[in-house]
Amino acid sequence: MVLRLLPERRCDAIVMKWSSRRLQSGSASVLLIAVIPTSKATTRELLRGRLRELVSDSHAGTRLPGERELAAEWGVARMTLRAAIDSLVTEGLLERRHGSGTFVAFRPVLRMLGLTSFSQDMRSRGLIPSSRVLEFRSIEADTALAERLQIPGGSRVFSFSRLRLGSGEPMAIENVRIPESYAPRLTAADLEGSLYEVLASRYKIVANAASVLIEPTLADERSRALLEIDEDQACLRLRMVDADRTGRIVMLASCLYRGDKYQLRADVTGSAAGFGRGQVSP
């Protein structure tokens, strides 16, 4: 076999092709190897792919190696690497912090509109859920609260608020009220994890239905400080009424989620009312 090599050059791609020229019977075909340098655009695309792999293998908040270090390790120009990083910053996968470097960004948690707990949401995104109890007390239900919880007036109710975090990053503030008689031994220490799990395992209370009201809002000064957000950062407020399989109201919750960290999703099936029966939907 006759092998022809072009002069060695730095390249990103090698194209091999059998020539159509045939030698006499008994001889091998000539294999031509063409070494083709890749364009800058292709190099940036390859770099974006490597950066995406680096992001997928890292936890949110992880600091990337410096541009000089990465450029030397990957054998590319620093400006080319910077352009690839800029594109991932634009996509929201990376974020630059002035004076600190480039970090893997926290991507918004996609929450299905259903009875999933905050802890489940965090774990599904590879984040570590945790809570900080801001307040825990027992109150007497006034007429309005008693009606909402469908309990006698004057009944004792646990009222507590928690700051919910994902891998140490503030994500939401929860305010919950639950009749004391449903969970008589509940303590602040129980609220460091999933309340749903505590209620199910200890008190055999399983919420399987909920009424949810969602509204955009701006956080007050105290909430902004807890969530570490600016005054113009939009938030989502979810007001939930949870019921068990018998229809008993087991808790009321008002949750304030960071709008830059949370997305909501609902899967809807079935047809609109009147569709197919000559009616026009709004």
C-alpha atoms as a PDB file:
ATOM      1  CA  MET A   1       0.000   0.000   0.000  1.00  0.00           C
ATOM      2  CA  VAL A   2       1.279   3.448  -0.874  1.00  0.00           C
ATOM      3  CA  LEU A   3       0.503   6.069   1.787  1.00  0.00           C
ATOM      4  CA  ARG A   4       0.918   9.772   1.080  1.00  0.00           C
ATOM      5  CA  LEU A   5       0.954  12.185   4.019  1.00  0.00           C
ATOM      6  CA  LEU A   6       0.724  15.933   3.735  1.00  0.00           C
ATOM      7  CA  PRO A   7       3.125  18.019   5.859  1.00  0.00           C
ATOM      8  CA  GLU A   8       2.164  17.864   9.536  1.00  0.00           C
ATOM      9  CA  ARG A   9      -0.034  20.792  10.596  1.00  0.00           C
ATOM     10  CA  ARG A  10      -2.026  21.606  13.702  1.00  0.00           C
ATOM     11  CA  CYS A  11      -5.642  20.741  13.009  1.00  0.00           C
ATOM     12  CA  ASP A  12      -8.988  19.904  14.576  1.00  0.00           C
ATOM     13  CA  ALA A  13     -10.337  17.477  11.982  1.00  0.00           C
ATOM     14  CA  ILE A  14      -8.931  14.809   9.704  1.00  0.00           C
ATOM     15  CA  VAL A  15     -10.749  13.706   6.552  1.00  0.00           C
ATOM     16  CA  MET A  16      -9.857  10.350   4.986  1.00  0.00           C
ATOM     17  CA  LYS A  17     -10.923   9.286   1.526  1.00  0.00           C
ATOM     18  CA  TRP A  18     -10.130   6.373  -0.751  1.00  0.00           C
ATOM     19  CA  SER A  19      -8.909   7.601  -4.142  1.00  0.00           C
ATOM     20  CA  SER A  20     -10.708   6.415  -7.274  1.00  0.00           C
ATOM     21  CA  ARG A  21      -7.405   5.660  -8.941  1.00  0.00           C
ATOM     22  CA  ARG A  22      -6.788   1.945  -9.202  1.00  0.00           C
ATOM     23  CA  LEU A  23      -3.432   0.264  -9.585  1.00  0.00           C
ATOM     24  CA  GLN A  24      -2.783  -2.895 -11.481  1.00  0.00           C
ATOM     25  CA  SER A  25      -4.133  -6.141 -10.129  1.00  0.00           C
ATOM     26  CA  GLY A  26      -2.229  -7.267  -7.080  1.00  0.00           C
ATOM     27  CA  SER A  27      -1.498  -3.752  -5.835  1.00  0.00           C
ATOM     28  CA  ALA A  28      -3.371  -1.857  -3.170  1.00  0.00           C
ATOM     29  CA  SER A  29      -5.282   1.357  -3.732  1.00  0.00           C
ATOM     30  CA  VAL A  30      -3.668   4.634  -2.724  1.00  0.00           C
ATOM     31  CA  LEU A  31      -5.081   6.155   0.453  1.00  0.00           C
ATOM     32  CA  LEU A  32      -5.010   9.930   0.454  1.00  0.00           C
ATOM     33  CA  ILE A  33      -5.139  11.652   3.812  1.00  0.00           C
ATOM     34  CA  ALA A  34      -6.096  15.299   3.764  1.00  0.00           C
ATOM     35  CA  VAL A  35      -5.458  17.326   6.884  1.00  0.00           C
ATOM     36  CA  ILE A  36      -7.975  20.165   6.989  1.00  0.00           C
ATOM     37  CA  PRO A  37      -7.763  22.853   9.667  1.00  0.00           C
ATOM     38  CA  THR A  38     -11.165  23.623  11.200  1.00  0.00           C
ATOM     39  CA  SER A  39     -12.659  27.102  10.932  1.00  0.00           C
ATOM     40  CA  LYS A  40     -12.866  29.359  13.980  1.00  0.00           C
ATOM     41  CA  ALA A  41     -16.639  28.919  13.981  1.00  0.00           C
ATOM     42  CA  THR A  42     -16.291  25.121  14.150  1.00  0.00           C
ATOM     43  CA  THR A  43     -13.660  25.425  16.879  1.00  0.00           C
ATOM     44  CA  ARG A  44     -16.013  27.566  18.965  1.00  0.00           C
ATOM     45  CA  GLU A  45     -18.775  24.985  18.481  1.00  0.00           C
ATOM     46  CA  LEU A  46     -16.440  22.229  19.675  1.00  0.00           C
ATOM     47  CA  LEU A  47     -15.515  24.368  22.671  1.00  0.00           C
ATOM     48  CA  ARG A  48     -19.162  25.026  23.484  1.00  0.00           C
ATOM     49  CA  GLY A  49     -19.726  21.275  23.484  1.00  0.00           C
ATOM     50  CA  ARG A  50     -16.822  20.714  25.876  1.00  0.00           C
ATOM     51  CA  LEU A  51     -18.034  23.527  28.110  1.00  0.00           C
ATOM     52  CA  ARG A  52     -21.543  22.043  28.188  1.00  0.00           C
ATOM     53  CA  GLU A  53     -20.068  18.716  29.279  1.00  0.00           C
ATOM     54  CA  LEU A  54     -18.134  20.524  32.003  1.00  0.00           C
ATOM     55  CA  VAL A  55     -21.328  22.254  33.161  1.00  0.00           C
ATOM     56  CA  SER A  56     -23.365  19.019  33.163  1.00  0.00           C
ATOM     57  CA  ASP A  57     -20.701  17.322  35.314  1.00  0.00           C
ATOM     58  CA  SER A  58     -20.634  20.183  37.841  1.00  0.00           C
ATOM     59  CA  HIS A  59     -22.992  21.365  40.547  1.00  0.00           C
ATOM     60  CA  ALA A  60     -24.631  24.761  40.312  1.00  0.00           C
ATOM     61  CA  GLY A  61     -22.354  27.393  41.832  1.00  0.00           C
ATOM     62  CA  THR A  62     -19.142  25.551  40.886  1.00  0.00           C
ATOM     63  CA  ARG A  63     -16.347  27.877  39.771  1.00  0.00           C
ATOM     64  CA  LEU A  64     -14.793  27.065  36.393  1.00  0.00           C
ATOM     65  CA  PRO A  65     -11.015  26.998  35.968  1.00  0.00           C
ATOM     66  CA  GLY A  66      -9.574  30.314  34.741  1.00  0.00           C
ATOM     67  CA  GLU A  67      -9.656  31.148  31.022  1.00  0.00           C
ATOM     68  CA  ARG A  68      -5.856  31.027  30.789  1.00  0.00           C
ATOM     69  CA  GLU A  69      -5.787  27.579  32.384  1.00  0.00           C
ATOM     70  CA  LEU A  70      -8.571  26.169  30.197  1.00  0.00           C
ATOM     71  CA  ALA A  71      -7.107  27.667  27.011  1.00  0.00           C
ATOM     72  CA  ALA A  72      -3.737  26.059  27.741  1.00  0.00           C
ATOM     73  CA  GLU A  73      -5.296  22.699  28.665  1.00  0.00           C
ATOM     74  CA  TRP A  74      -7.468  22.560  25.542  1.00  0.00           C
ATOM     75  CA  GLY A  75      -4.848  24.057  23.203  1.00  0.00           C
ATOM     76  CA  VAL A  76      -6.965  26.968  21.939  1.00  0.00           C
ATOM     77  CA  ALA A  77      -6.621  30.720  21.789  1.00  0.00           C
ATOM     78  CA  ARG A  78      -7.862  32.492  24.873  1.00  0.00           C
ATOM     79  CA  MET A  79     -10.067  34.847  22.832  1.00  0.00           C
ATOM     80  CA  THR A  80     -11.700  31.865  21.104  1.00  0.00           C
ATOM     81  CA  LEU A  81     -12.391  30.260  24.483  1.00  0.00           C
ATOM     82  CA  ARG A  82     -13.811  33.517  25.812  1.00  0.00           C
ATOM     83  CA  ALA A  83     -16.241  33.741  22.866  1.00  0.00           C
ATOM     84  CA  ALA A  84     -17.451  30.183  23.611  1.00  0.00           C
ATOM     85  CA  ILE A  85     -17.909  31.022  27.301  1.00  0.00           C
ATOM     86  CA  ASP A  86     -19.808  34.194  26.384  1.00  0.00           C
ATOM     87  CA  SER A  87     -22.274  32.141  24.356  1.00  0.00           C
ATOM     88  CA  LEU A  88     -23.005  29.883  27.362  1.00  0.00           C
ATOM     89  CA  VAL A  89     -23.390  32.947  29.580  1.00  0.00           C
ATOM     90  CA  THR A  90     -26.004  34.215  27.113  1.00  0.00           C
ATOM     91  CA  GLU A  91     -27.782  30.832  27.307  1.00  0.00           C
ATOM     92  CA  GLY A  92     -27.873  31.091  31.086  1.00  0.00           C
ATOM     93  CA  LEU A  93     -25.673  28.046  31.716  1.00  0.00           C
ATOM     94  CA  LEU A  94     -22.759  30.086  33.063  1.00  0.00           C
ATOM     95  CA  GLU A  95     -22.548  33.363  34.924  1.00  0.00           C
ATOM     96  CA  ARG A  96     -19.664  35.781  35.357  1.00  0.00           C
ATOM     97  CA  ARG A  97     -19.090  37.311  38.780  1.00  0.00           C
ATOM     98  CA  HIS A  98     -16.967  40.424  38.709  1.00  0.00           C
ATOM     99  CA  GLY A  99     -13.672  39.806  40.445  1.00  0.00           C
ATOM    100  CA  SER A 100     -14.517  36.164  41.210  1.00  0.00           C
ATOM    101  CA  GLY A 101     -14.594  34.283  37.895  1.00  0.00           C
ATOM    102  CA  THR A 102     -17.069  32.216  35.906  1.00  0.00           C
ATOM    103  CA  PHE A 103     -19.518  29.902  37.668  1.00  0.00           C
ATOM    104  CA  VAL A 104     -22.051  27.234  36.730  1.00  0.00           C
ATOM    105  CA  ALA A 105     -25.383  29.049  36.893  1.00  0.00           C
ATOM    106  CA  PHE A 106     -28.377  27.952  38.905  1.00  0.00           C
ATOM    107  CA  ARG A 107     -30.926  26.925  36.316  1.00  0.00           C
ATOM    108  CA  PRO A 108     -34.588  27.568  37.117  1.00  0.00           C
ATOM    109  CA  VAL A 109     -36.249  24.638  38.832  1.00  0.00           C
ATOM    110  CA  LEU A 110     -39.083  23.349  36.694  1.00  0.00           C
ATOM    111  CA  ARG A 111     -41.879  22.562  39.097  1.00  0.00           C
ATOM    112  CA  MET A 112     -44.789  20.473  37.935  1.00  0.00           C
ATOM    113  CA  LEU A 113     -48.066  21.787  39.225  1.00  0.00           C
ATOM    114  CA  GLY A 114     -48.876  18.869  41.461  1.00  0.00           C
ATOM    115  CA  LEU A 115     -48.273  17.550  44.946  1.00  0.00           C
ATOM    116  CA  THR A 116     -44.498  17.361  44.808  1.00  0.00           C
ATOM    117  CA  SER A 117     -42.506  18.641  47.738  1.00  0.00           C
ATOM    118  CA  PHE A 118     -39.772  21.258  47.594  1.00  0.00           C
ATOM    119  CA  SER A 119     -37.270  18.559  48.552  1.00  0.00           C
ATOM    120  CA  GLN A 120     -38.335  16.433  45.569  1.00  0.00           C
ATOM    121  CA  ASP A 121     -38.012  19.439  43.262  1.00  0.00           C
ATOM    122  CA  MET A 122     -34.468  20.100  44.435  1.00  0.00           C
ATOM    123  CA  ARG A 123     -33.320  16.494  44.262  1.00  0.00           C
ATOM    124  CA  SER A 124     -34.693  16.161  40.722  1.00  0.00           C
ATOM    125  CA  ARG A 125     -32.312  18.943  39.685  1.00  0.00           C
ATOM    126  CA  GLY A 126     -29.316  17.497  41.487  1.00  0.00           C
ATOM    127  CA  LEU A 127     -29.479  20.116  44.250  1.00  0.00           C
ATOM    128  CA  ILE A 128     -29.335  19.493  47.991  1.00  0.00           C
ATOM    129  CA  PRO A 129     -32.540  20.658  49.745  1.00  0.00           C
ATOM    130  CA  SER A 130     -32.377  22.303  53.147  1.00  0.00           C
ATOM    131  CA  SER A 131     -34.465  24.638  55.298  1.00  0.00           C
ATOM    132  CA  ARG A 132     -33.980  27.377  57.832  1.00  0.00           C
ATOM    133  CA  VAL A 133     -36.881  27.804  60.234  1.00  0.00           C
ATOM    134  CA  LEU A 134     -37.673  31.497  60.567  1.00  0.00           C
ATOM    135  CA  GLU A 135     -40.604  31.186  62.959  1.00  0.00           C
ATOM    136  CA  PHE A 136     -42.484  28.386  64.717  1.00  0.00           C
ATOM    137  CA  ARG A 137     -45.384  29.026  67.086  1.00  0.00           C
ATOM    138  CA  SER A 138     -48.785  27.816  68.181  1.00  0.00           C
ATOM    139  CA  ILE A 139     -51.697  30.220  67.667  1.00  0.00           C
ATOM    140  CA  GLU A 140     -55.414  30.232  68.329  1.00  0.00           C
ATOM    141  CA  ALA A 141     -57.484  30.080  65.135  1.00  0.00           C
ATOM    142  CA  ASP A 142     -59.725  33.088  64.697  1.00  0.00           C
ATOM    143  CA  THR A 143     -63.032  32.777  62.857  1.00  0.00           C
ATOM    144  CA  ALA A 144     -61.562  33.356  59.377  1.00  0.00           C
ATOM    145  CA  LEU A 145     -58.688  30.873  59.829  1.00  0.00           C
ATOM    146  CA  ALA A 146     -60.981  28.282  61.408  1.00  0.00           C
ATOM    147  CA  GLU A 147     -63.354  28.511  58.446  1.00  0.00           C
ATOM    148  CA  ARG A 148     -60.530  28.059  55.960  1.00  0.00           C
ATOM    149  CA  LEU A 149     -59.174  25.028  57.821  1.00  0.00           C
ATOM    150  CA  GLN A 150     -62.683  23.742  58.552  1.00  0.00           C
ATOM    151  CA  ILE A 151     -61.993  23.382  62.280  1.00  0.00           C
ATOM    152  CA  PRO A 152     -63.788  24.777  65.377  1.00  0.00           C
ATOM    153  CA  GLY A 153     -62.996  28.370  66.253  1.00  0.00           C
ATOM    154  CA  GLY A 154     -60.364  28.733  68.938  1.00  0.00           C
ATOM    155  CA  SER A 155     -58.559  25.522  67.945  1.00  0.00           C
ATOM    156  CA  ARG A 156     -54.768  25.542  68.224  1.00  0.00           C
ATOM    157  CA  VAL A 157     -52.861  25.795  64.964  1.00  0.00           C
ATOM    158  CA  PHE A 158     -49.158  25.473  64.188  1.00  0.00           C
ATOM    159  CA  SER A 159     -47.973  28.528  62.273  1.00  0.00           C
ATOM    160  CA  PHE A 160     -44.450  28.539  60.884  1.00  0.00           C
ATOM    161  CA  SER A 161     -42.299  29.991  58.131  1.00  0.00           C
ATOM    162  CA  ARG A 162     -39.208  28.543  56.504  1.00  0.00           C
ATOM    163  CA  LEU A 163     -36.521  29.713  54.117  1.00  0.00           C
ATOM    164  CA  ARG A 164     -36.012  26.919  51.579  1.00  0.00           C
ATOM    165  CA  LEU A 165     -32.591  26.480  49.988  1.00  0.00           C
ATOM    166  CA  GLY A 166     -31.125  24.464  47.135  1.00  0.00           C
ATOM    167  CA  SER A 167     -27.429  23.657  47.654  1.00  0.00           C
ATOM    168  CA  GLY A 168     -27.241  26.666  49.946  1.00  0.00           C
ATOM    169  CA  GLU A 169     -28.937  29.087  47.528  1.00  0.00           C
ATOM    170  CA  PRO A 170     -32.146  30.794  48.799  1.00  0.00           C
ATOM    171  CA  MET A 171     -35.058  29.643  46.646  1.00  0.00           C
ATOM    172  CA  ALA A 172     -38.339  30.285  48.469  1.00  0.00           C
ATOM    173  CA  ILE A 173     -40.063  31.388  51.645  1.00  0.00           C
ATOM    174  CA  GLU A 174     -42.907  29.218  52.934  1.00  0.00           C
ATOM    175  CA  ASN A 175     -45.608  30.172  55.431  1.00  0.00           C
ATOM    176  CA  VAL A 176     -47.672  27.195  56.591  1.00  0.00           C
ATOM    177  CA  ARG A 177     -50.569  26.624  58.981  1.00  0.00           C
ATOM    178  CA  ILE A 178     -51.685  23.188  60.084  1.00  0.00           C
ATOM    179  CA  PRO A 179     -54.122  22.182  62.881  1.00  0.00           C
ATOM    180  CA  GLU A 180     -52.177  21.140  65.965  1.00  0.00           C
ATOM    181  CA  SER A 181     -54.451  18.153  66.542  1.00  0.00           C
ATOM    182  CA  TYR A 182     -53.365  16.640  63.211  1.00  0.00           C
ATOM    183  CA  ALA A 183     -49.655  16.658  64.104  1.00  0.00           C
ATOM    184  CA  PRO A 184     -49.499  17.084  67.910  1.00  0.00           C
ATOM    185  CA  ARG A 185     -45.775  16.363  68.339  1.00  0.00           C
ATOM    186  CA  LEU A 186     -44.550  18.506  65.448  1.00  0.00           C
ATOM    187  CA  THR A 187     -41.471  20.576  66.348  1.00  0.00           C
ATOM    188  CA  ALA A 188     -39.278  23.121  64.599  1.00  0.00           C
ATOM    189  CA  ALA A 189     -36.597  20.434  64.212  1.00  0.00           C
ATOM    190  CA  ASP A 190     -39.005  18.400  62.046  1.00  0.00           C
ATOM    191  CA  LEU A 191     -39.137  21.231  59.523  1.00  0.00           C
ATOM    192  CA  GLU A 192     -35.533  21.018  58.381  1.00  0.00           C
ATOM    193  CA  GLY A 193     -36.596  18.462  55.775  1.00  0.00           C
ATOM    194  CA  SER A 194     -39.798  17.630  53.896  1.00  0.00           C
ATOM    195  CA  LEU A 195     -43.012  18.355  55.817  1.00  0.00           C
ATOM    196  CA  TYR A 196     -44.932  16.000  53.502  1.00  0.00           C
ATOM    197  CA  GLU A 197     -42.598  13.153  54.452  1.00  0.00           C
ATOM    198  CA  VAL A 198     -42.966  13.867  58.191  1.00  0.00           C
ATOM    199  CA  LEU A 199     -46.761  14.006  57.977  1.00  0.00           C
ATOM    200  CA  ALA A 200     -46.930  10.781  55.968  1.00  0.00           C
ATOM    201  CA  SER A 201     -44.483   8.725  58.024  1.00  0.00           C
ATOM    202  CA  ARG A 202     -45.423   9.906  61.525  1.00  0.00           C
ATOM    203  CA  TYR A 203     -49.067  10.907  61.286  1.00  0.00           C
ATOM    204  CA  LYS A 204     -50.272   8.933  58.251  1.00  0.00           C
ATOM    205  CA  ILE A 205     -51.444  12.164  56.641  1.00  0.00           C
ATOM    206  CA  VAL A 206     -51.110  12.145  52.858  1.00  0.00           C
ATOM    207  CA  ALA A 207     -52.196  15.187  50.873  1.00  0.00           C
ATOM    208  CA  ASN A 208     -53.553  14.018  47.548  1.00  0.00           C
ATOM    209  CA  ALA A 209     -55.454  17.077  46.359  1.00  0.00           C
ATOM    210  CA  ALA A 210     -54.739  20.783  46.367  1.00  0.00           C
ATOM    211  CA  SER A 211     -56.200  24.077  45.276  1.00  0.00           C
ATOM    212  CA  VAL A 212     -53.458  26.392  43.994  1.00  0.00           C
ATOM    213  CA  LEU A 213     -53.590  30.108  43.238  1.00  0.00           C
ATOM    214  CA  ILE A 214     -50.564  31.535  41.414  1.00  0.00           C
ATOM    215  CA  GLU A 215     -49.798  35.223  41.092  1.00  0.00           C
ATOM    216  CA  PRO A 216     -46.751  37.328  40.138  1.00  0.00           C
ATOM    217  CA  THR A 217     -45.573  39.700  42.829  1.00  0.00           C
ATOM    218  CA  LEU A 218     -42.676  41.763  44.134  1.00  0.00           C
ATOM    219  CA  ALA A 219     -41.181  40.801  47.472  1.00  0.00           C
ATOM    220  CA  ASP A 220     -41.174  43.100  50.483  1.00  0.00           C
ATOM    221  CA  GLU A 221     -37.906  44.335  51.981  1.00  0.00           C
ATOM    222  CA  ARG A 222     -37.545  41.509  54.516  1.00  0.00           C
ATOM    223  CA  SER A 223     -38.272  38.819  51.926  1.00  0.00           C
ATOM    224  CA  ARG A 224     -35.788  40.371  49.473  1.00  0.00           C
ATOM    225  CA  ALA A 225     -33.089  40.226  52.119  1.00  0.00           C
ATOM    226  CA  LEU A 226     -33.826  36.564  52.862  1.00  0.00           C
ATOM    227  CA  LEU A 227     -33.958  35.587  49.186  1.00  0.00           C
ATOM    228  CA  GLU A 228     -30.947  37.774  48.334  1.00  0.00           C
ATOM    229  CA  ILE A 229     -32.681  39.488  45.423  1.00  0.00           C
ATOM    230  CA  ASP A 230     -32.980  43.058  44.139  1.00  0.00           C
ATOM    231  CA  GLU A 231     -36.115  45.123  44.590  1.00  0.00           C
ATOM    232  CA  ASP A 232     -37.085  44.748  40.908  1.00  0.00           C
ATOM    233  CA  GLN A 233     -36.802  40.936  40.879  1.00  0.00           C
ATOM    234  CA  ALA A 234     -40.195  39.398  40.173  1.00  0.00           C
ATOM    235  CA  CYS A 235     -41.399  36.481  42.301  1.00  0.00           C
ATOM    236  CA  LEU A 236     -44.160  33.903  42.125  1.00  0.00           C
ATOM    237  CA  ARG A 237     -46.571  33.495  45.013  1.00  0.00           C
ATOM    238  CA  LEU A 238     -48.398  30.178  45.354  1.00  0.00           C
ATOM    239  CA  ARG A 239     -51.328  29.963  47.763  1.00  0.00           C
ATOM    240  CA  MET A 240     -52.195  26.329  48.410  1.00  0.00           C
ATOM    241  CA  VAL A 241     -54.961  24.505  50.261  1.00  0.00           C
ATOM    242  CA  ASP A 242     -54.012  20.840  50.717  1.00  0.00           C
ATOM    243  CA  ALA A 243     -56.582  18.129  51.415  1.00  0.00           C
ATOM    244  CA  ASP A 244     -56.329  14.406  52.111  1.00  0.00           C
ATOM    245  CA  ARG A 245     -58.290  11.677  50.328  1.00  0.00           C
ATOM    246  CA  THR A 246     -61.316  12.224  52.569  1.00  0.00           C
ATOM    247  CA  GLY A 247     -61.468  15.897  51.621  1.00  0.00           C
ATOM    248  CA  ARG A 248     -60.247  17.095  55.010  1.00  0.00           C
ATOM    249  CA  ILE A 249     -58.165  20.270  54.817  1.00  0.00           C
ATOM    250  CA  VAL A 250     -54.761  19.407  56.270  1.00  0.00           C
ATOM    251  CA  MET A 251     -52.827  22.633  55.720  1.00  0.00           C
ATOM    252  CA  LEU A 252     -52.737  26.124  54.250  1.00  0.00           C
ATOM    253  CA  ALA A 253     -49.558  27.395  52.637  1.00  0.00           C
ATOM    254  CA  SER A 254     -48.381  30.625  51.076  1.00  0.00           C
ATOM    255  CA  CYS A 255     -45.077  30.235  49.250  1.00  0.00           C
ATOM    256  CA  LEU A 256     -42.945  32.969  47.706  1.00  0.00           C
ATOM    257  CA  TYR A 257     -40.610  31.650  44.987  1.00  0.00           C
ATOM    258  CA  ARG A 258     -37.794  33.521  43.295  1.00  0.00           C
ATOM    259  CA  GLY A 259     -38.879  34.208  39.729  1.00  0.00           C
ATOM    260  CA  ASP A 260     -35.348  33.741  38.395  1.00  0.00           C
ATOM    261  CA  LYS A 261     -34.993  30.329  40.024  1.00  0.00           C
ATOM    262  CA  TYR A 262     -38.399  28.752  39.480  1.00  0.00           C
ATOM    263  CA  GLN A 263     -40.524  27.860  36.487  1.00  0.00           C
ATOM    264  CA  LEU A 264     -43.969  26.291  36.710  1.00  0.00           C
ATOM    265  CA  ARG A 265     -45.319  23.712  34.321  1.00  0.00           C
ATOM    266  CA  ALA A 266     -48.737  22.104  33.923  1.00  0.00           C
ATOM    267  CA  ASP A 267     -49.635  19.187  31.669  1.00  0.00           C
ATOM    268  CA  VAL A 268     -53.241  19.591  30.576  1.00  0.00           C
ATOM    269  CA  THR A 269     -55.276  16.855  28.918  1.00  0.00           C
ATOM    270  CA  GLY A 270     -58.810  16.681  27.593  1.00  0.00           C
ATOM    271  CA  SER A 271     -60.713  19.094  25.381  1.00  0.00           C
ATOM    272  CA  ALA A 272     -62.034  22.533  26.165  1.00  0.00           C
ATOM    273  CA  ALA A 273     -65.632  22.713  27.337  1.00  0.00           C
ATOM    274  CA  GLY A 274     -67.977  22.662  24.374  1.00  0.00           C
ATOM    275  CA  PHE A 275     -65.290  21.780  21.818  1.00  0.00           C
ATOM    276  CA  GLY A 276     -66.765  19.656  19.045  1.00  0.00           C
ATOM    277  CA  ARG A 277     -70.314  20.658  19.925  1.00  0.00           C
ATOM    278  CA  GLY A 278     -70.523  23.823  17.855  1.00  0.00           C
ATOM    279  CA  GLN A 279     -69.446  26.143  20.683  1.00  0.00           C
ATOM    280  CA  VAL A 280     -66.672  28.696  20.427  1.00  0.00           C
ATOM    281  CA  SER A 281     -64.057  28.673  23.206  1.00  0.00           C
ATOM    282  CA  PRO A 282     -62.728  31.982  24.533  1.00  0.00           C
END
